[in-house]
């Protein structure tokens, strides 16, 4: 995994934690839940791409 990918994953991971923390603070906030879900989906894409890159050598 390149350093750039690693940093991107770290930043996105922090964003996911921040958004899910907001969900915990306001469980009825649908916009916060949607934002957290979208951020998590983006993190999953980054992780999948990094894994594929690593497997490709």
C-alpha atoms as a PDB file:
ATOM      1  CA  UNK A   1       0.000   0.000   0.000  1.00  0.00           C
ATOM      2  CA  UNK A   2       1.393   3.364  -0.929  1.00  0.00           C
ATOM      3  CA  UNK A   3       1.872   6.069   1.660  1.00  0.00           C
ATOM      4  CA  UNK A   4      -0.710   8.209  -0.135  1.00  0.00           C
ATOM      5  CA  UNK A   5      -3.319   5.424   0.067  1.00  0.00           C
ATOM      6  CA  UNK A   6      -2.478   4.849   3.714  1.00  0.00           C
ATOM      7  CA  UNK A   7      -2.998   8.520   4.546  1.00  0.00           C
ATOM      8  CA  UNK A   8      -6.232   8.636   2.573  1.00  0.00           C
ATOM      9  CA  UNK A   9      -7.540   5.595   4.444  1.00  0.00           C
ATOM     10  CA  UNK A  10      -6.540   7.094   7.786  1.00  0.00           C
ATOM     11  CA  UNK A  11      -8.282  10.396   7.038  1.00  0.00           C
ATOM     12  CA  UNK A  12     -11.424   8.626   5.837  1.00  0.00           C
ATOM     13  CA  UNK A  13     -11.391   6.370   8.899  1.00  0.00           C
ATOM     14  CA  UNK A  14     -11.297   9.377  11.187  1.00  0.00           C
ATOM     15  CA  UNK A  15     -14.180  10.917   9.262  1.00  0.00           C
ATOM     16  CA  UNK A  16     -16.216   7.714   9.720  1.00  0.00           C
ATOM     17  CA  UNK A  17     -15.552   7.713  13.471  1.00  0.00           C
ATOM     18  CA  UNK A  18     -16.503  11.386  13.720  1.00  0.00           C
ATOM     19  CA  UNK A  19     -19.751  10.866  11.812  1.00  0.00           C
ATOM     20  CA  UNK A  20     -20.768   7.772  13.766  1.00  0.00           C
ATOM     21  CA  UNK A  21     -20.038   9.680  16.973  1.00  0.00           C
ATOM     22  CA  UNK A  22     -22.457  12.336  15.732  1.00  0.00           C
ATOM     23  CA  UNK A  23     -25.016   9.583  15.113  1.00  0.00           C
ATOM     24  CA  UNK A  24     -24.620   8.359  18.668  1.00  0.00           C
ATOM     25  CA  UNK A  25     -25.171  11.886  19.959  1.00  0.00           C
ATOM     26  CA  UNK A  26     -28.268  12.418  17.800  1.00  0.00           C
ATOM     27  CA  UNK A  27     -29.762   9.016  16.927  1.00  0.00           C
ATOM     28  CA  UNK A  28     -32.822  10.571  15.264  1.00  0.00           C
ATOM     29  CA  UNK A  29     -30.753  12.692  12.844  1.00  0.00           C
ATOM     30  CA  UNK A  30     -31.308  10.998   9.495  1.00  0.00           C
ATOM     31  CA  UNK A  31     -28.876  13.313   7.682  1.00  0.00           C
ATOM     32  CA  UNK A  32     -26.082  12.359  10.083  1.00  0.00           C
ATOM     33  CA  UNK A  33     -26.851   8.673   9.574  1.00  0.00           C
ATOM     34  CA  UNK A  34     -26.794   9.055   5.798  1.00  0.00           C
ATOM     35  CA  UNK A  35     -23.494  10.952   5.937  1.00  0.00           C
ATOM     36  CA  UNK A  36     -21.961   8.268   8.159  1.00  0.00           C
ATOM     37  CA  UNK A  37     -23.170   5.538   5.830  1.00  0.00           C
ATOM     38  CA  UNK A  38     -21.725   7.312   2.780  1.00  0.00           C
ATOM     39  CA  UNK A  39     -18.395   7.871   4.543  1.00  0.00           C
ATOM     40  CA  UNK A  40     -18.248   4.207   5.535  1.00  0.00           C
ATOM     41  CA  UNK A  41     -18.962   3.150   1.952  1.00  0.00           C
ATOM     42  CA  UNK A  42     -16.104   5.360   0.748  1.00  0.00           C
ATOM     43  CA  UNK A  43     -13.774   3.838   3.344  1.00  0.00           C
ATOM     44  CA  UNK A  44     -14.745   0.358   2.162  1.00  0.00           C
ATOM     45  CA  UNK A  45     -13.861   1.314  -1.429  1.00  0.00           C
ATOM     46  CA  UNK A  46     -10.486   2.691  -0.336  1.00  0.00           C
ATOM     47  CA  UNK A  47      -9.720  -0.444   1.668  1.00  0.00           C
ATOM     48  CA  UNK A  48     -10.789  -2.740  -1.168  1.00  0.00           C
ATOM     49  CA  UNK A  49      -8.658  -0.817  -3.677  1.00  0.00           C
ATOM     50  CA  UNK A  50      -5.655  -0.923  -1.345  1.00  0.00           C
ATOM     51  CA  UNK A  51      -6.056  -4.671  -0.862  1.00  0.00           C
ATOM     52  CA  UNK A  52      -6.300  -5.255  -4.620  1.00  0.00           C
ATOM     53  CA  UNK A  53      -3.221  -3.110  -5.170  1.00  0.00           C
ATOM     54  CA  UNK A  54      -1.309  -5.068  -2.549  1.00  0.00           C
ATOM     55  CA  UNK A  55      -2.358  -8.426  -3.990  1.00  0.00           C
ATOM     56  CA  UNK A  56      -1.320  -7.317  -7.474  1.00  0.00           C
ATOM     57  CA  UNK A  57       2.171  -6.790  -6.121  1.00  0.00           C
END
